[in-house]
Amino acid sequence: MNLKRETIVLLSCFGLLAFATVLHAEIKSGLQIGDYADAFDVKDCSSAQTRGKTLCYR
């Protein structure tokens, strides 16, 4: 094998190893059990009485 081919094979192996490591990592998304959700504001567009007003959900 020439040096260029060996380099490509070696880099491919390292890339595959890095990709496999990332796939194996545990992915956590969103709130976890026991976490507290902070308050957030929304615009009401459903009812005539409060349409267009900002509401705070807790």
PDB file of N, CA and C in Angstrom:
ATOM      1  N   MET A   1       0.831  -1.192   0.000  1.00  0.00           N
ATOM      2  CA  MET A   1       0.000   0.000   0.000  1.00  0.00           C
ATOM      3  C   MET A   1       0.870   1.248   0.000  1.00  0.00           C
ATOM      4  N   ASN A   2       0.381   2.233  -0.664  1.00  0.00           N
ATOM      5  CA  ASN A   2       1.129   3.483  -0.631  1.00  0.00           C
ATOM      6  C   ASN A   2       0.668   4.331   0.551  1.00  0.00           C
ATOM      7  N   LEU A   3       1.380   5.357   0.838  1.00  0.00           N
ATOM      8  CA  LEU A   3       1.140   6.175   2.023  1.00  0.00           C
ATOM      9  C   LEU A   3      -0.235   6.861   1.974  1.00  0.00           C
ATOM     10  N   LYS A   4      -0.644   7.319   0.803  1.00  0.00           N
ATOM     11  CA  LYS A   4      -1.937   7.992   0.676  1.00  0.00           C
ATOM     12  C   LYS A   4      -3.073   7.033   1.014  1.00  0.00           C
ATOM     13  N   ARG A   5      -3.012   5.829   0.532  1.00  0.00           N
ATOM     14  CA  ARG A   5      -4.056   4.837   0.788  1.00  0.00           C
ATOM     15  C   ARG A   5      -4.079   4.454   2.268  1.00  0.00           C
ATOM     16  N   GLU A   6      -2.932   4.291   2.886  1.00  0.00           N
ATOM     17  CA  GLU A   6      -2.855   3.957   4.310  1.00  0.00           C
ATOM     18  C   GLU A   6      -3.457   5.073   5.164  1.00  0.00           C
ATOM     19  N   THR A   7      -3.194   6.321   4.785  1.00  0.00           N
ATOM     20  CA  THR A   7      -3.745   7.456   5.513  1.00  0.00           C
ATOM     21  C   THR A   7      -5.262   7.480   5.415  1.00  0.00           C
ATOM     22  N   ILE A   8      -5.792   7.221   4.234  1.00  0.00           N
ATOM     23  CA  ILE A   8      -7.246   7.210   4.040  1.00  0.00           C
ATOM     24  C   ILE A   8      -7.883   6.098   4.862  1.00  0.00           C
ATOM     25  N   VAL A   9      -7.292   4.921   4.861  1.00  0.00           N
ATOM     26  CA  VAL A   9      -7.823   3.796   5.636  1.00  0.00           C
ATOM     27  C   VAL A   9      -7.781   4.118   7.128  1.00  0.00           C
ATOM     28  N   LEU A  10      -6.682   4.673   7.605  1.00  0.00           N
ATOM     29  CA  LEU A  10      -6.536   5.007   9.015  1.00  0.00           C
ATOM     30  C   LEU A  10      -7.548   6.072   9.443  1.00  0.00           C
ATOM     31  N   LEU A  11      -7.701   7.122   8.651  1.00  0.00           N
ATOM     32  CA  LEU A  11      -8.673   8.168   8.972  1.00  0.00           C
ATOM     33  C   LEU A  11     -10.103   7.636   8.929  1.00  0.00           C
ATOM     34  N   SER A  12     -10.391   6.737   8.014  1.00  0.00           N
ATOM     35  CA  SER A  12     -11.720   6.125   7.945  1.00  0.00           C
ATOM     36  C   SER A  12     -12.010   5.311   9.200  1.00  0.00           C
ATOM     37  N   CYS A  13     -11.013   4.576   9.680  1.00  0.00           N
ATOM     38  CA  CYS A  13     -11.186   3.790  10.905  1.00  0.00           C
ATOM     39  C   CYS A  13     -11.438   4.694  12.107  1.00  0.00           C
ATOM     40  N   PHE A  14     -10.667   5.773  12.223  1.00  0.00           N
ATOM     41  CA  PHE A  14     -10.885   6.714  13.324  1.00  0.00           C
ATOM     42  C   PHE A  14     -12.255   7.377  13.220  1.00  0.00           C
ATOM     43  N   GLY A  15     -12.680   7.727  12.022  1.00  0.00           N
ATOM     44  CA  GLY A  15     -13.999   8.332  11.829  1.00  0.00           C
ATOM     45  C   GLY A  15     -15.114   7.372  12.208  1.00  0.00           C
ATOM     46  N   LEU A  16     -14.977   6.125  11.825  1.00  0.00           N
ATOM     47  CA  LEU A  16     -15.978   5.117  12.169  1.00  0.00           C
ATOM     48  C   LEU A  16     -16.035   4.910  13.675  1.00  0.00           C
ATOM     49  N   LEU A  17     -14.898   4.882  14.326  1.00  0.00           N
ATOM     50  CA  LEU A  17     -14.839   4.736  15.775  1.00  0.00           C
ATOM     51  C   LEU A  17     -15.499   5.927  16.469  1.00  0.00           C
ATOM     52  N   ALA A  18     -15.238   7.125  16.003  1.00  0.00           N
ATOM     53  CA  ALA A  18     -15.845   8.321  16.589  1.00  0.00           C
ATOM     54  C   ALA A  18     -17.359   8.310  16.391  1.00  0.00           C
ATOM     55  N   PHE A  19     -17.808   7.920  15.211  1.00  0.00           N
ATOM     56  CA  PHE A  19     -19.239   7.859  14.917  1.00  0.00           C
ATOM     57  C   PHE A  19     -19.927   6.829  15.804  1.00  0.00           C
ATOM     58  N   ALA A  20     -19.314   5.671  15.994  1.00  0.00           N
ATOM     59  CA  ALA A  20     -19.888   4.626  16.842  1.00  0.00           C
ATOM     60  C   ALA A  20     -19.963   5.087  18.297  1.00  0.00           C
ATOM     61  N   THR A  21     -18.982   5.845  18.745  1.00  0.00           N
ATOM     62  CA  THR A  21     -18.978   6.362  20.110  1.00  0.00           C
ATOM     63  C   THR A  21     -20.126   7.339  20.321  1.00  0.00           C
ATOM     64  N   VAL A  22     -20.360   8.202  19.351  1.00  0.00           N
ATOM     65  CA  VAL A  22     -21.451   9.171  19.444  1.00  0.00           C
ATOM     66  C   VAL A  22     -22.793   8.457  19.440  1.00  0.00           C
ATOM     67  N   LEU A  23     -22.959   7.455  18.620  1.00  0.00           N
ATOM     68  CA  LEU A  23     -24.212   6.711  18.575  1.00  0.00           C
ATOM     69  C   LEU A  23     -24.478   5.968  19.876  1.00  0.00           C
ATOM     70  N   HIS A  24     -23.430   5.519  20.524  1.00  0.00           N
ATOM     71  CA  HIS A  24     -23.576   4.746  21.742  1.00  0.00           C
ATOM     72  C   HIS A  24     -23.893   5.632  22.952  1.00  0.00           C
ATOM     73  N   ALA A  25     -23.583   6.926  22.864  1.00  0.00           N
ATOM     74  CA  ALA A  25     -23.812   7.841  23.981  1.00  0.00           C
ATOM     75  C   ALA A  25     -25.303   7.972  24.255  1.00  0.00           C
ATOM     76  N   GLU A  26     -25.659   8.098  25.520  1.00  0.00           N
ATOM     77  CA  GLU A  26     -27.057   8.229  25.910  1.00  0.00           C
ATOM     78  C   GLU A  26     -27.528   9.650  25.606  1.00  0.00           C
ATOM     79  N   ILE A  27     -28.622   9.764  24.888  1.00  0.00           N
ATOM     80  CA  ILE A  27     -29.162  11.055  24.498  1.00  0.00           C
ATOM     81  C   ILE A  27     -30.349  11.375  25.402  1.00  0.00           C
ATOM     82  N   LYS A  28     -30.305  12.539  26.051  1.00  0.00           N
ATOM     83  CA  LYS A  28     -31.395  12.979  26.911  1.00  0.00           C
ATOM     84  C   LYS A  28     -31.975  14.246  26.316  1.00  0.00           C
ATOM     85  N   SER A  29     -33.271  14.250  26.082  1.00  0.00           N
ATOM     86  CA  SER A  29     -33.928  15.386  25.482  1.00  0.00           C
ATOM     87  C   SER A  29     -35.107  15.808  26.350  1.00  0.00           C
ATOM     88  N   GLY A  30     -35.273  17.096  26.519  1.00  0.00           N
ATOM     89  CA  GLY A  30     -36.417  17.604  27.270  1.00  0.00           C
ATOM     90  C   GLY A  30     -36.253  17.455  28.770  1.00  0.00           C
ATOM     91  N   LEU A  31     -37.360  17.675  29.475  1.00  0.00           N
ATOM     92  CA  LEU A  31     -37.343  17.556  30.928  1.00  0.00           C
ATOM     93  C   LEU A  31     -37.212  16.099  31.339  1.00  0.00           C
ATOM     94  N   GLN A  32     -36.420  15.865  32.349  1.00  0.00           N
ATOM     95  CA  GLN A  32     -36.270  14.525  32.897  1.00  0.00           C
ATOM     96  C   GLN A  32     -37.250  14.372  34.060  1.00  0.00           C
ATOM     97  N   ILE A  33     -37.492  13.167  34.476  1.00  0.00           N
ATOM     98  CA  ILE A  33     -38.407  12.898  35.577  1.00  0.00           C
ATOM     99  C   ILE A  33     -37.914  13.635  36.819  1.00  0.00           C
ATOM    100  N   GLY A  34     -38.817  14.404  37.425  1.00  0.00           N
ATOM    101  CA  GLY A  34     -38.468  15.166  38.620  1.00  0.00           C
ATOM    102  C   GLY A  34     -38.002  16.578  38.344  1.00  0.00           C
ATOM    103  N   ASP A  35     -37.741  16.947  37.087  1.00  0.00           N
ATOM    104  CA  ASP A  35     -37.318  18.306  36.750  1.00  0.00           C
ATOM    105  C   ASP A  35     -38.509  19.256  36.848  1.00  0.00           C
ATOM    106  N   TYR A  36     -38.238  20.517  37.122  1.00  0.00           N
ATOM    107  CA  TYR A  36     -39.256  21.549  37.256  1.00  0.00           C
ATOM    108  C   TYR A  36     -39.324  22.362  35.961  1.00  0.00           C
ATOM    109  N   ALA A  37     -40.530  22.538  35.450  1.00  0.00           N
ATOM    110  CA  ALA A  37     -40.722  23.353  34.249  1.00  0.00           C
ATOM    111  C   ALA A  37     -40.908  24.810  34.651  1.00  0.00           C
ATOM    112  N   ASP A  38     -40.108  25.701  34.084  1.00  0.00           N
ATOM    113  CA  ASP A  38     -40.230  27.129  34.373  1.00  0.00           C
ATOM    114  C   ASP A  38     -41.494  27.693  33.745  1.00  0.00           C
ATOM    115  N   ALA A  39     -41.922  28.853  34.248  1.00  0.00           N
ATOM    116  CA  ALA A  39     -43.091  29.530  33.695  1.00  0.00           C
ATOM    117  C   ALA A  39     -42.770  30.035  32.288  1.00  0.00           C
ATOM    118  N   PHE A  40     -43.795  30.092  31.437  1.00  0.00           N
ATOM    119  CA  PHE A  40     -43.594  30.608  30.081  1.00  0.00           C
ATOM    120  C   PHE A  40     -44.825  31.364  29.628  1.00  0.00           C
ATOM    121  N   ASP A  41     -44.631  32.382  28.804  1.00  0.00           N
ATOM    122  CA  ASP A  41     -45.713  33.226  28.310  1.00  0.00           C
ATOM    123  C   ASP A  41     -46.152  32.769  26.924  1.00  0.00           C
ATOM    124  N   VAL A  42     -47.470  32.858  26.681  1.00  0.00           N
ATOM    125  CA  VAL A  42     -48.032  32.519  25.374  1.00  0.00           C
ATOM    126  C   VAL A  42     -49.057  33.585  24.991  1.00  0.00           C
ATOM    127  N   LYS A  43     -49.337  33.711  23.709  1.00  0.00           N
ATOM    128  CA  LYS A  43     -50.403  34.595  23.220  1.00  0.00           C
ATOM    129  C   LYS A  43     -51.658  33.755  23.031  1.00  0.00           C
ATOM    130  N   ASP A  44     -52.763  34.203  23.616  1.00  0.00           N
ATOM    131  CA  ASP A  44     -54.030  33.481  23.494  1.00  0.00           C
ATOM    132  C   ASP A  44     -54.685  33.845  22.166  1.00  0.00           C
ATOM    133  N   CYS A  45     -55.082  32.840  21.413  1.00  0.00           N
ATOM    134  CA  CYS A  45     -55.765  33.095  20.143  1.00  0.00           C
ATOM    135  C   CYS A  45     -57.028  32.254  20.021  1.00  0.00           C
ATOM    136  N   SER A  46     -57.474  31.638  21.125  1.00  0.00           N
ATOM    137  CA  SER A  46     -58.597  30.713  21.029  1.00  0.00           C
ATOM    138  C   SER A  46     -59.919  31.291  21.506  1.00  0.00           C
ATOM    139  N   SER A  47     -59.943  31.989  22.633  1.00  0.00           N
ATOM    140  CA  SER A  47     -61.213  32.474  23.165  1.00  0.00           C
ATOM    141  C   SER A  47     -61.374  33.972  22.904  1.00  0.00           C
ATOM    142  N   ALA A  48     -62.623  34.408  22.751  1.00  0.00           N
ATOM    143  CA  ALA A  48     -62.894  35.805  22.429  1.00  0.00           C
ATOM    144  C   ALA A  48     -62.551  36.734  23.589  1.00  0.00           C
ATOM    145  N   GLN A  49     -62.684  36.266  24.822  1.00  0.00           N
ATOM    146  CA  GLN A  49     -62.464  37.125  25.987  1.00  0.00           C
ATOM    147  C   GLN A  49     -60.995  37.515  26.152  1.00  0.00           C
ATOM    148  N   THR A  50     -60.092  36.595  25.896  1.00  0.00           N
ATOM    149  CA  THR A  50     -58.666  36.868  26.132  1.00  0.00           C
ATOM    150  C   THR A  50     -57.837  36.828  24.856  1.00  0.00           C
ATOM    151  N   ARG A  51     -58.470  36.856  23.699  1.00  0.00           N
ATOM    152  CA  ARG A  51     -57.734  36.770  22.430  1.00  0.00           C
ATOM    153  C   ARG A  51     -56.731  37.913  22.298  1.00  0.00           C
ATOM    154  N   GLY A  52     -55.500  37.575  21.967  1.00  0.00           N
ATOM    155  CA  GLY A  52     -54.449  38.561  21.764  1.00  0.00           C
ATOM    156  C   GLY A  52     -53.700  38.945  23.023  1.00  0.00           C
ATOM    157  N   LYS A  53     -54.197  38.541  24.194  1.00  0.00           N
ATOM    158  CA  LYS A  53     -53.505  38.859  25.441  1.00  0.00           C
ATOM    159  C   LYS A  53     -52.420  37.829  25.723  1.00  0.00           C
ATOM    160  N   THR A  54     -51.439  38.237  26.515  1.00  0.00           N
ATOM    161  CA  THR A  54     -50.361  37.336  26.905  1.00  0.00           C
ATOM    162  C   THR A  54     -50.746  36.647  28.210  1.00  0.00           C
ATOM    163  N   LEU A  55     -50.618  35.341  28.221  1.00  0.00           N
ATOM    164  CA  LEU A  55     -50.945  34.550  29.409  1.00  0.00           C
ATOM    165  C   LEU A  55     -49.667  33.886  29.925  1.00  0.00           C
ATOM    166  N   CYS A  56     -49.618  33.695  31.237  1.00  0.00           N
ATOM    167  CA  CYS A  56     -48.461  33.027  31.836  1.00  0.00           C
ATOM    168  C   CYS A  56     -48.889  31.667  32.359  1.00  0.00           C
ATOM    169  N   TYR A  57     -48.224  30.627  31.907  1.00  0.00           N
ATOM    170  CA  TYR A  57     -48.507  29.277  32.381  1.00  0.00           C
ATOM    171  C   TYR A  57     -47.458  28.878  33.406  1.00  0.00           C
ATOM    172  N   ARG A  58     -47.887  28.320  34.516  1.00  0.00           N
ATOM    173  CA  ARG A  58     -46.987  27.811  35.546  1.00  0.00           C
ATOM    174  C   ARG A  58     -47.286  26.372  35.790  1.00  0.00           C
TER     175      ARG A  58
END
